[in-house]
């Protein structure tokens, strides 16, 4: 079941998916006051792995900032929203995500390069619709297993659609994330001009 489908522009080379309250609770519990969370997560492997394994954030980088919008599809269960299977570039192992506030943010990675607690925790009340690099989805409070499908349309066609499908499955416990390779070793690229590999 498709919950939401929208276009997102990237002004920084990556995507993040998070519940702002879940993420902020982690930051406050660990007395983290830095605004450049990306730098913190990259420089401190323990913290970087904890925010993923505890379901605080799903990071997807590096992916290119293109002249067109990425299409984002949020689904319940494993339904790839009528995207032809031959257009799939990759499907990830499950990411853990914990929803605390009932509100999920999908943004380019600038959200954690310049973290603004008040803006994101109160996003539904103060969001500016003119910004096309961030959106939100209402989601029931729960633990989720999230598989990401990257897809890109046929190169021979004009107006190629490309982007990411996030398949959410509610779970009793958060799935364990495989840290045998780091996030920056994953290939999340779905650029029509430079298609990623599985």
N, C-alpha and C. Protein backbone atom coordinates (compact mmCIF):
# COMPACT_ATOMS: atom_id res chain seq x y z
N UNK A 1 0.85 -1.20 0.00
CA UNK A 1 0.00 0.00 0.00
C UNK A 1 0.88 1.25 0.00
N UNK A 2 0.71 2.11 -0.98
CA UNK A 2 1.47 3.35 -1.03
C UNK A 2 0.90 4.34 -0.03
N UNK A 3 1.74 4.79 0.88
CA UNK A 3 1.32 5.79 1.87
C UNK A 3 1.47 7.20 1.31
N UNK A 4 2.60 7.43 0.63
CA UNK A 4 2.84 8.76 0.08
C UNK A 4 3.86 8.66 -1.04
N UNK A 5 3.69 9.54 -2.03
CA UNK A 5 4.58 9.58 -3.19
C UNK A 5 4.83 11.05 -3.48
N UNK A 6 6.10 11.44 -3.59
CA UNK A 6 6.40 12.85 -3.80
C UNK A 6 7.77 13.00 -4.44
N UNK A 7 8.06 14.21 -4.90
CA UNK A 7 9.35 14.53 -5.51
C UNK A 7 10.21 15.29 -4.50
N UNK A 8 11.51 15.02 -4.55
CA UNK A 8 12.42 15.67 -3.63
C UNK A 8 13.68 16.10 -4.38
N UNK A 9 14.06 17.35 -4.17
CA UNK A 9 15.28 17.89 -4.77
C UNK A 9 16.41 17.80 -3.75
N UNK A 10 17.60 17.46 -4.21
CA UNK A 10 18.74 17.42 -3.32
C UNK A 10 19.62 18.65 -3.54
N UNK A 11 19.93 19.34 -2.44
CA UNK A 11 20.89 20.44 -2.47
C UNK A 11 22.15 20.07 -1.70
N UNK A 12 22.20 18.86 -1.23
CA UNK A 12 23.37 18.27 -0.56
C UNK A 12 23.35 16.79 -0.93
N UNK A 13 24.53 16.15 -1.03
CA UNK A 13 24.63 14.84 -1.68
C UNK A 13 24.24 13.64 -0.82
N UNK A 14 22.98 13.59 -0.43
CA UNK A 14 22.50 12.44 0.32
C UNK A 14 21.09 12.65 0.82
N UNK A 15 20.49 11.57 1.32
CA UNK A 15 19.15 11.60 1.90
C UNK A 15 19.22 11.09 3.33
N UNK A 16 18.30 11.57 4.16
CA UNK A 16 18.13 11.01 5.50
C UNK A 16 16.64 10.85 5.78
N UNK A 17 16.33 9.77 6.48
CA UNK A 17 14.95 9.48 6.91
C UNK A 17 15.01 9.33 8.42
N UNK A 18 14.16 10.07 9.14
CA UNK A 18 14.21 10.00 10.60
C UNK A 18 12.93 10.53 11.22
N UNK A 19 12.66 10.03 12.42
CA UNK A 19 11.65 10.63 13.29
C UNK A 19 12.40 11.67 14.12
N UNK A 20 12.04 12.95 14.01
CA UNK A 20 12.83 13.98 14.70
C UNK A 20 12.86 13.83 16.21
N UNK A 21 11.77 13.30 16.80
CA UNK A 21 11.76 13.12 18.25
C UNK A 21 12.66 11.97 18.66
N UNK A 22 12.65 10.88 17.90
CA UNK A 22 13.54 9.76 18.19
C UNK A 22 14.99 10.20 18.13
N UNK A 23 15.34 10.93 17.06
CA UNK A 23 16.71 11.41 16.90
C UNK A 23 17.07 12.38 18.01
N UNK A 24 16.19 13.32 18.30
CA UNK A 24 16.50 14.32 19.32
C UNK A 24 16.63 13.69 20.70
N UNK A 25 15.79 12.68 20.99
CA UNK A 25 15.90 11.99 22.29
C UNK A 25 17.28 11.35 22.44
N UNK A 26 17.79 10.77 21.36
CA UNK A 26 19.12 10.17 21.40
C UNK A 26 20.17 11.25 21.67
N UNK A 27 20.08 12.37 20.96
CA UNK A 27 21.06 13.44 21.12
C UNK A 27 21.06 13.99 22.54
N UNK A 28 19.86 14.20 23.11
CA UNK A 28 19.78 14.75 24.46
C UNK A 28 20.28 13.74 25.50
N UNK A 29 19.92 12.46 25.31
CA UNK A 29 20.36 11.42 26.25
C UNK A 29 21.88 11.33 26.28
N UNK A 30 22.52 11.58 25.15
CA UNK A 30 23.98 11.47 25.06
C UNK A 30 24.69 12.82 25.12
N UNK A 31 23.94 13.87 25.52
CA UNK A 31 24.51 15.21 25.70
C UNK A 31 25.23 15.71 24.46
N UNK A 32 24.64 15.44 23.30
CA UNK A 32 25.23 15.89 22.04
C UNK A 32 24.63 17.24 21.67
N UNK A 33 25.49 18.24 21.51
CA UNK A 33 25.01 19.59 21.22
C UNK A 33 25.48 20.10 19.86
N UNK A 34 26.31 19.32 19.16
CA UNK A 34 26.80 19.73 17.85
C UNK A 34 25.65 19.87 16.86
N UNK A 35 25.77 20.83 15.95
CA UNK A 35 24.75 20.98 14.91
C UNK A 35 25.12 20.21 13.64
N UNK A 36 26.43 19.97 13.42
CA UNK A 36 26.85 19.20 12.26
C UNK A 36 26.89 17.72 12.66
N UNK A 37 25.70 17.09 12.61
CA UNK A 37 25.59 15.70 13.04
C UNK A 37 26.27 14.75 12.05
N UNK A 38 26.26 15.11 10.77
CA UNK A 38 26.91 14.24 9.78
C UNK A 38 28.39 14.09 10.11
N UNK A 39 29.04 15.20 10.41
CA UNK A 39 30.47 15.17 10.75
C UNK A 39 30.68 14.33 12.02
N UNK A 40 29.81 14.52 13.00
CA UNK A 40 29.91 13.77 14.25
C UNK A 40 29.77 12.27 13.98
N UNK A 41 28.75 11.88 13.21
CA UNK A 41 28.50 10.46 12.94
C UNK A 41 29.64 9.83 12.15
N UNK A 42 30.22 10.60 11.22
CA UNK A 42 31.31 10.07 10.40
C UNK A 42 32.61 9.95 11.20
N UNK A 43 32.84 10.90 12.11
CA UNK A 43 34.10 10.92 12.86
C UNK A 43 34.07 10.03 14.10
N UNK A 44 32.87 9.66 14.56
CA UNK A 44 32.75 8.82 15.74
C UNK A 44 31.96 7.57 15.36
N UNK A 45 32.67 6.51 15.05
CA UNK A 45 32.03 5.29 14.53
C UNK A 45 31.00 4.72 15.50
N UNK A 46 31.28 4.77 16.79
CA UNK A 46 30.36 4.22 17.78
C UNK A 46 29.02 4.95 17.73
N UNK A 47 29.07 6.28 17.72
CA UNK A 47 27.83 7.05 17.66
C UNK A 47 27.14 6.85 16.31
N UNK A 48 27.92 6.85 15.24
CA UNK A 48 27.36 6.65 13.91
C UNK A 48 26.61 5.33 13.79
N UNK A 49 27.17 4.28 14.39
CA UNK A 49 26.50 2.98 14.34
C UNK A 49 25.30 2.93 15.28
N UNK A 50 25.40 3.59 16.42
CA UNK A 50 24.28 3.59 17.39
C UNK A 50 23.05 4.28 16.82
N UNK A 51 23.21 5.41 16.14
CA UNK A 51 22.02 6.13 15.65
C UNK A 51 21.30 5.31 14.58
N UNK A 52 22.05 4.47 13.87
CA UNK A 52 21.42 3.58 12.89
C UNK A 52 20.80 2.37 13.59
N UNK A 53 21.57 1.69 14.42
CA UNK A 53 21.09 0.45 15.05
C UNK A 53 19.94 0.68 16.00
N UNK A 54 19.85 1.88 16.61
CA UNK A 54 18.74 2.19 17.51
C UNK A 54 17.55 2.80 16.78
N UNK A 55 17.61 2.83 15.46
CA UNK A 55 16.47 3.27 14.67
C UNK A 55 16.23 4.76 14.67
N UNK A 56 17.30 5.53 14.93
CA UNK A 56 17.15 7.00 14.99
C UNK A 56 17.19 7.63 13.60
N UNK A 57 17.88 6.98 12.65
CA UNK A 57 18.07 7.61 11.34
C UNK A 57 18.45 6.56 10.29
N UNK A 58 18.00 6.78 9.07
CA UNK A 58 18.46 6.01 7.92
C UNK A 58 19.22 6.97 7.02
N UNK A 59 20.53 6.80 6.90
CA UNK A 59 21.31 7.68 6.02
C UNK A 59 21.55 7.03 4.66
N UNK A 60 21.42 7.81 3.61
CA UNK A 60 21.65 7.32 2.24
C UNK A 60 22.58 8.31 1.56
N UNK A 61 23.85 7.98 1.48
CA UNK A 61 24.83 8.87 0.85
C UNK A 61 26.03 8.05 0.43
N UNK A 62 26.86 8.53 -0.47
CA UNK A 62 26.63 9.78 -1.18
C UNK A 62 25.84 9.49 -2.44
N UNK A 63 24.92 10.36 -2.75
CA UNK A 63 24.19 10.30 -4.01
C UNK A 63 24.22 11.70 -4.63
N UNK A 64 24.21 11.78 -5.94
CA UNK A 64 24.45 13.08 -6.57
C UNK A 64 23.27 14.04 -6.46
N UNK A 65 23.62 15.32 -6.40
CA UNK A 65 22.63 16.39 -6.52
C UNK A 65 22.40 16.59 -8.02
N UNK A 66 21.21 16.28 -8.49
CA UNK A 66 20.91 16.33 -9.91
C UNK A 66 20.08 17.56 -10.25
N UNK A 67 19.89 17.79 -11.56
CA UNK A 67 19.07 18.93 -12.00
C UNK A 67 17.59 18.58 -12.00
N UNK A 68 17.25 17.39 -11.55
CA UNK A 68 15.86 16.95 -11.52
C UNK A 68 15.56 16.39 -10.13
N UNK A 69 14.27 16.20 -9.86
CA UNK A 69 13.85 15.69 -8.56
C UNK A 69 13.92 14.16 -8.51
N UNK A 70 14.29 13.66 -7.35
CA UNK A 70 14.17 12.24 -7.07
C UNK A 70 12.71 11.96 -6.69
N UNK A 71 12.20 10.81 -7.12
CA UNK A 71 10.87 10.41 -6.68
C UNK A 71 11.01 9.54 -5.44
N UNK A 72 10.23 9.84 -4.41
CA UNK A 72 10.25 9.10 -3.16
C UNK A 72 8.88 8.44 -2.98
N UNK A 73 8.90 7.14 -2.73
CA UNK A 73 7.66 6.39 -2.50
C UNK A 73 7.76 5.72 -1.14
N UNK A 74 6.77 5.97 -0.29
CA UNK A 74 6.71 5.36 1.03
C UNK A 74 5.61 4.31 1.01
N UNK A 75 5.98 3.07 1.29
CA UNK A 75 5.05 1.93 1.23
C UNK A 75 4.96 1.22 2.56
N UNK A 76 3.83 0.55 2.75
CA UNK A 76 3.71 -0.46 3.80
C UNK A 76 3.95 -1.81 3.16
N UNK A 77 4.73 -2.64 3.81
CA UNK A 77 5.05 -4.00 3.36
C UNK A 77 5.83 -3.96 2.04
N UNK A 78 6.05 -5.12 1.45
CA UNK A 78 6.93 -5.22 0.28
C UNK A 78 6.15 -5.07 -1.02
N UNK A 79 5.81 -3.86 -1.34
CA UNK A 79 5.09 -3.59 -2.57
C UNK A 79 5.84 -2.49 -3.30
N UNK A 80 6.39 -2.80 -4.47
CA UNK A 80 7.22 -1.82 -5.15
C UNK A 80 6.44 -0.89 -6.07
N UNK A 81 5.18 -0.67 -5.71
CA UNK A 81 4.39 0.43 -6.26
C UNK A 81 4.35 0.48 -7.78
N UNK A 82 4.16 -0.69 -8.38
CA UNK A 82 4.00 -0.76 -9.83
C UNK A 82 5.25 -0.33 -10.60
N UNK A 83 6.40 -0.33 -9.93
CA UNK A 83 7.66 -0.07 -10.63
C UNK A 83 8.09 -1.38 -11.29
N UNK A 84 8.30 -1.41 -12.61
CA UNK A 84 8.74 -2.66 -13.25
C UNK A 84 10.02 -3.19 -12.62
N UNK A 85 10.06 -4.50 -12.42
CA UNK A 85 11.19 -5.12 -11.74
C UNK A 85 12.51 -4.85 -12.45
N UNK A 86 12.47 -4.74 -13.78
CA UNK A 86 13.71 -4.51 -14.52
C UNK A 86 14.29 -3.11 -14.26
N UNK A 87 13.49 -2.23 -13.66
CA UNK A 87 13.98 -0.88 -13.33
C UNK A 87 14.68 -0.83 -11.97
N UNK A 88 14.57 -1.92 -11.19
CA UNK A 88 15.23 -1.94 -9.88
C UNK A 88 16.75 -2.01 -10.04
N UNK A 89 17.44 -1.17 -9.34
CA UNK A 89 18.91 -1.15 -9.36
C UNK A 89 19.44 -1.91 -8.15
N UNK A 90 18.81 -1.72 -7.00
CA UNK A 90 19.23 -2.45 -5.80
C UNK A 90 18.07 -2.52 -4.82
N UNK A 91 18.14 -3.50 -3.92
CA UNK A 91 17.24 -3.58 -2.77
C UNK A 91 18.14 -3.86 -1.57
N UNK A 92 18.02 -3.04 -0.55
CA UNK A 92 18.91 -3.15 0.61
C UNK A 92 18.43 -4.23 1.59
N UNK A 93 19.32 -4.62 2.47
CA UNK A 93 18.92 -5.35 3.67
C UNK A 93 18.12 -4.40 4.56
N UNK A 94 17.38 -4.93 5.54
CA UNK A 94 16.53 -4.06 6.36
C UNK A 94 17.33 -3.05 7.20
N UNK A 95 16.82 -1.82 7.21
CA UNK A 95 17.29 -0.80 8.14
C UNK A 95 16.32 -0.74 9.31
N UNK A 96 16.81 -0.52 10.53
CA UNK A 96 15.89 -0.32 11.66
C UNK A 96 15.44 1.14 11.73
N UNK A 97 14.18 1.35 12.09
CA UNK A 97 13.70 2.71 12.31
C UNK A 97 12.64 2.69 13.41
N UNK A 98 12.77 3.62 14.35
CA UNK A 98 11.82 3.70 15.46
C UNK A 98 11.06 5.02 15.35
N UNK A 99 9.73 4.92 15.25
CA UNK A 99 8.89 6.11 15.14
C UNK A 99 8.26 6.39 16.50
N UNK A 100 8.54 7.59 17.01
CA UNK A 100 8.10 8.00 18.35
C UNK A 100 7.03 9.08 18.29
N UNK A 101 7.14 9.98 17.30
CA UNK A 101 6.27 11.16 17.26
C UNK A 101 5.11 11.02 16.28
N UNK A 102 5.09 9.94 15.50
CA UNK A 102 4.06 9.80 14.48
C UNK A 102 4.35 10.59 13.22
N UNK A 103 5.52 11.20 13.18
CA UNK A 103 5.88 12.03 12.04
C UNK A 103 7.28 11.65 11.56
N UNK A 104 7.38 11.37 10.27
CA UNK A 104 8.63 10.94 9.68
C UNK A 104 9.12 12.01 8.72
N UNK A 105 10.39 12.38 8.82
CA UNK A 105 11.00 13.38 7.94
C UNK A 105 11.83 12.67 6.88
N UNK A 106 11.66 13.09 5.63
CA UNK A 106 12.54 12.65 4.54
C UNK A 106 13.13 13.91 3.96
N UNK A 107 14.46 14.03 4.02
CA UNK A 107 15.12 15.27 3.65
C UNK A 107 16.44 14.97 2.95
N UNK A 108 16.95 15.99 2.23
CA UNK A 108 18.34 15.84 1.81
C UNK A 108 19.20 15.92 3.07
N UNK A 109 20.46 15.60 2.91
CA UNK A 109 21.32 15.40 4.07
C UNK A 109 21.66 16.70 4.81
N UNK A 110 21.24 17.83 4.25
CA UNK A 110 21.46 19.11 4.94
C UNK A 110 20.78 19.13 6.30
N UNK A 111 19.72 18.30 6.48
CA UNK A 111 19.01 18.27 7.77
C UNK A 111 19.94 17.91 8.92
N UNK A 112 20.95 17.04 8.65
CA UNK A 112 21.86 16.68 9.75
C UNK A 112 23.22 17.36 9.62
N UNK A 113 23.42 18.12 8.54
CA UNK A 113 24.63 18.94 8.45
C UNK A 113 24.44 20.21 9.29
N UNK A 114 23.19 20.67 9.35
CA UNK A 114 22.87 21.86 10.14
C UNK A 114 21.59 21.55 10.93
N UNK A 115 21.72 20.70 11.95
CA UNK A 115 20.57 20.21 12.72
C UNK A 115 19.91 21.35 13.49
N UNK A 116 18.60 21.46 13.32
CA UNK A 116 17.80 22.47 14.00
C UNK A 116 16.67 21.74 14.73
N UNK A 117 16.89 21.46 15.99
CA UNK A 117 15.93 20.68 16.78
C UNK A 117 14.52 21.26 16.70
N UNK A 118 14.37 22.54 16.94
CA UNK A 118 13.03 23.14 17.00
C UNK A 118 12.30 23.05 15.67
N UNK A 119 13.04 23.22 14.58
CA UNK A 119 12.42 23.16 13.26
C UNK A 119 11.88 21.76 12.98
N UNK A 120 12.71 20.75 13.18
CA UNK A 120 12.30 19.39 12.79
C UNK A 120 11.33 18.76 13.78
N UNK A 121 11.50 19.00 15.08
CA UNK A 121 10.56 18.44 16.06
C UNK A 121 9.17 19.05 15.87
N UNK A 122 9.12 20.30 15.43
CA UNK A 122 7.82 20.98 15.20
C UNK A 122 7.52 21.14 13.71
N UNK A 123 8.09 20.27 12.90
CA UNK A 123 8.06 20.42 11.44
C UNK A 123 6.64 20.59 10.88
N UNK A 124 5.70 19.80 11.36
CA UNK A 124 4.34 19.84 10.81
C UNK A 124 3.68 21.20 11.01
N UNK A 125 4.09 21.94 12.02
CA UNK A 125 3.47 23.25 12.31
C UNK A 125 4.19 24.40 11.62
N UNK A 126 5.49 24.23 11.34
CA UNK A 126 6.24 25.39 10.83
C UNK A 126 6.89 25.15 9.47
N UNK A 127 6.64 23.97 8.86
CA UNK A 127 7.31 23.68 7.58
C UNK A 127 6.95 24.71 6.53
N UNK A 128 7.90 24.97 5.67
CA UNK A 128 7.73 25.92 4.57
C UNK A 128 7.59 25.12 3.28
N UNK A 129 6.39 25.15 2.68
CA UNK A 129 6.12 24.34 1.49
C UNK A 129 6.98 24.75 0.29
N UNK A 130 7.63 25.91 0.36
CA UNK A 130 8.45 26.35 -0.78
C UNK A 130 9.76 25.57 -0.86
N UNK A 131 10.15 24.91 0.23
CA UNK A 131 11.36 24.10 0.21
C UNK A 131 11.04 22.73 -0.38
N UNK A 132 11.76 22.35 -1.43
CA UNK A 132 11.48 21.07 -2.07
C UNK A 132 12.54 20.01 -1.75
N UNK A 133 13.33 20.26 -0.70
CA UNK A 133 14.35 19.28 -0.30
C UNK A 133 13.97 18.56 0.99
N UNK A 134 12.72 18.71 1.43
CA UNK A 134 12.27 18.07 2.67
C UNK A 134 10.77 17.83 2.60
N UNK A 135 10.33 16.71 3.18
CA UNK A 135 8.90 16.41 3.23
C UNK A 135 8.66 15.55 4.46
N UNK A 136 7.40 15.29 4.75
CA UNK A 136 7.09 14.48 5.93
C UNK A 136 5.95 13.51 5.62
N UNK A 137 5.90 12.46 6.41
CA UNK A 137 4.88 11.42 6.26
C UNK A 137 4.37 11.06 7.65
N UNK A 138 3.06 10.91 7.79
CA UNK A 138 2.50 10.47 9.06
C UNK A 138 2.64 8.95 9.15
N UNK A 139 3.18 8.47 10.26
CA UNK A 139 3.45 7.05 10.44
C UNK A 139 3.14 6.67 11.88
N UNK A 140 2.49 5.53 12.07
CA UNK A 140 2.15 5.07 13.42
C UNK A 140 3.41 4.83 14.24
N UNK A 141 3.34 5.16 15.51
CA UNK A 141 4.47 4.92 16.41
C UNK A 141 4.73 3.42 16.50
N UNK A 142 5.96 3.02 16.17
CA UNK A 142 6.28 1.59 16.18
C UNK A 142 7.75 1.41 15.83
N UNK A 143 8.20 0.19 15.92
CA UNK A 143 9.48 -0.22 15.34
C UNK A 143 9.22 -0.68 13.91
N UNK A 144 10.15 -0.37 13.03
CA UNK A 144 9.97 -0.76 11.63
C UNK A 144 11.25 -1.37 11.08
N UNK A 145 11.03 -2.30 10.18
CA UNK A 145 12.08 -2.82 9.32
C UNK A 145 11.87 -2.14 7.96
N UNK A 146 12.90 -1.48 7.46
CA UNK A 146 12.74 -0.67 6.24
C UNK A 146 13.72 -1.14 5.17
N UNK A 147 13.18 -1.66 4.08
CA UNK A 147 14.00 -2.01 2.92
C UNK A 147 13.89 -0.90 1.89
N UNK A 148 15.01 -0.56 1.29
CA UNK A 148 15.04 0.52 0.31
C UNK A 148 15.32 -0.07 -1.07
N UNK A 149 14.46 0.29 -2.01
CA UNK A 149 14.69 -0.09 -3.41
C UNK A 149 15.08 1.16 -4.18
N UNK A 150 16.20 1.11 -4.87
CA UNK A 150 16.58 2.19 -5.78
C UNK A 150 16.18 1.78 -7.18
N UNK A 151 15.56 2.69 -7.91
CA UNK A 151 15.10 2.33 -9.25
C UNK A 151 15.34 3.47 -10.23
N UNK A 152 15.38 3.11 -11.50
CA UNK A 152 15.56 4.08 -12.57
C UNK A 152 14.89 3.55 -13.82
N UNK A 153 14.16 4.41 -14.52
CA UNK A 153 13.42 4.00 -15.71
C UNK A 153 14.34 3.67 -16.88
N UNK A 154 13.72 3.30 -17.95
CA UNK A 154 14.44 2.92 -19.17
C UNK A 154 15.14 4.12 -19.77
N UNK A 155 16.43 3.98 -20.06
CA UNK A 155 17.22 5.10 -20.61
C UNK A 155 16.68 5.60 -21.95
N UNK A 156 15.98 4.73 -22.68
CA UNK A 156 15.52 5.11 -24.01
C UNK A 156 14.34 6.07 -23.97
N UNK A 157 13.69 6.15 -22.81
CA UNK A 157 12.50 6.99 -22.70
C UNK A 157 12.87 8.37 -22.16
N UNK A 158 12.11 9.37 -22.59
CA UNK A 158 12.29 10.70 -22.01
C UNK A 158 11.51 10.78 -20.70
N UNK A 159 11.76 11.82 -19.92
CA UNK A 159 11.10 12.00 -18.63
C UNK A 159 11.24 10.75 -17.75
N UNK A 160 12.47 10.28 -17.62
CA UNK A 160 12.74 9.08 -16.85
C UNK A 160 12.45 9.33 -15.36
N UNK A 161 11.71 8.41 -14.75
CA UNK A 161 11.51 8.48 -13.32
C UNK A 161 12.60 7.69 -12.62
N UNK A 162 13.11 8.25 -11.54
CA UNK A 162 14.14 7.56 -10.77
C UNK A 162 14.01 8.00 -9.32
N UNK A 163 14.39 7.12 -8.43
CA UNK A 163 14.30 7.49 -7.02
C UNK A 163 14.36 6.28 -6.12
N UNK A 164 13.65 6.38 -4.99
CA UNK A 164 13.76 5.37 -3.94
C UNK A 164 12.39 5.00 -3.40
N UNK A 165 12.22 3.69 -3.18
CA UNK A 165 11.02 3.17 -2.53
C UNK A 165 11.42 2.71 -1.14
N UNK A 166 10.72 3.20 -0.13
CA UNK A 166 10.96 2.80 1.25
C UNK A 166 9.80 1.89 1.67
N UNK A 167 10.10 0.61 1.85
CA UNK A 167 9.10 -0.37 2.26
C UNK A 167 9.17 -0.58 3.77
N UNK A 168 8.10 -0.16 4.46
CA UNK A 168 8.04 -0.23 5.91
C UNK A 168 7.25 -1.46 6.35
N UNK A 169 7.85 -2.25 7.23
CA UNK A 169 7.14 -3.37 7.86
C UNK A 169 7.26 -3.21 9.37
N UNK A 170 6.10 -3.13 10.05
CA UNK A 170 6.11 -3.00 11.50
C UNK A 170 6.67 -4.28 12.13
N UNK A 171 7.51 -4.11 13.14
CA UNK A 171 8.14 -5.26 13.80
C UNK A 171 8.11 -5.07 15.30
N UNK A 172 8.12 -6.20 16.02
CA UNK A 172 8.14 -6.11 17.48
C UNK A 172 9.47 -5.54 17.95
N UNK A 173 10.56 -6.03 17.36
CA UNK A 173 11.89 -5.54 17.70
C UNK A 173 12.54 -4.94 16.46
N UNK A 174 13.44 -4.00 16.68
CA UNK A 174 14.17 -3.44 15.55
C UNK A 174 15.07 -4.51 14.93
N UNK A 175 15.13 -4.57 13.60
CA UNK A 175 16.05 -5.53 12.98
C UNK A 175 17.50 -5.11 13.25
N UNK A 176 18.37 -6.08 13.25
CA UNK A 176 19.80 -5.78 13.43
C UNK A 176 20.39 -5.36 12.09
N UNK A 177 21.10 -4.25 12.10
CA UNK A 177 21.72 -3.77 10.86
C UNK A 177 23.10 -4.38 10.72
N UNK A 178 23.44 -4.73 9.49
CA UNK A 178 24.73 -5.36 9.20
C UNK A 178 25.80 -4.28 8.98
N UNK A 179 26.73 -4.17 9.91
CA UNK A 179 27.78 -3.16 9.81
C UNK A 179 29.09 -3.73 9.26
N UNK A 180 28.99 -4.85 8.51
CA UNK A 180 30.23 -5.40 7.94
C UNK A 180 30.85 -4.45 6.92
N UNK A 181 30.04 -3.55 6.38
CA UNK A 181 30.62 -2.45 5.61
C UNK A 181 29.92 -1.16 6.04
N UNK A 182 30.63 -0.04 5.92
CA UNK A 182 30.08 1.23 6.37
C UNK A 182 29.11 1.79 5.35
N UNK A 183 28.30 2.74 5.80
CA UNK A 183 27.28 3.33 4.94
C UNK A 183 27.90 3.93 3.68
N UNK A 184 29.06 4.58 3.82
CA UNK A 184 29.64 5.23 2.65
C UNK A 184 30.23 4.25 1.65
N UNK A 185 30.20 2.95 1.97
CA UNK A 185 30.63 1.94 1.01
C UNK A 185 29.47 1.40 0.16
N UNK A 186 28.23 1.73 0.55
CA UNK A 186 27.08 1.31 -0.23
C UNK A 186 26.96 2.17 -1.48
N UNK A 187 26.44 1.57 -2.55
CA UNK A 187 26.20 2.33 -3.77
C UNK A 187 24.70 2.57 -3.90
N UNK A 188 24.25 3.77 -3.56
CA UNK A 188 22.84 4.13 -3.60
C UNK A 188 22.48 4.93 -4.86
N UNK A 189 23.39 5.02 -5.81
CA UNK A 189 23.19 5.90 -6.97
C UNK A 189 22.11 5.36 -7.91
N UNK A 190 21.16 6.23 -8.27
CA UNK A 190 20.13 5.87 -9.27
C UNK A 190 20.08 6.89 -10.40
N UNK A 191 21.14 7.66 -10.55
CA UNK A 191 21.24 8.69 -11.59
C UNK A 191 21.05 8.06 -12.97
N UNK A 192 20.07 8.54 -13.77
CA UNK A 192 19.85 7.97 -15.11
C UNK A 192 21.08 8.03 -16.01
N UNK A 193 21.94 9.03 -15.79
CA UNK A 193 23.14 9.15 -16.61
C UNK A 193 24.30 8.30 -16.11
N UNK A 194 24.16 7.80 -14.89
CA UNK A 194 25.26 7.05 -14.29
C UNK A 194 24.68 6.03 -13.32
N UNK A 195 23.93 5.08 -13.84
CA UNK A 195 23.20 4.15 -13.00
C UNK A 195 24.11 3.37 -12.09
N UNK A 196 23.68 3.26 -10.82
CA UNK A 196 24.45 2.50 -9.86
C UNK A 196 24.40 1.02 -10.17
N UNK A 197 25.18 0.24 -9.44
CA UNK A 197 25.19 -1.21 -9.63
C UNK A 197 24.67 -1.90 -8.38
N UNK A 198 24.16 -3.10 -8.55
CA UNK A 198 23.58 -3.82 -7.43
C UNK A 198 24.68 -4.29 -6.48
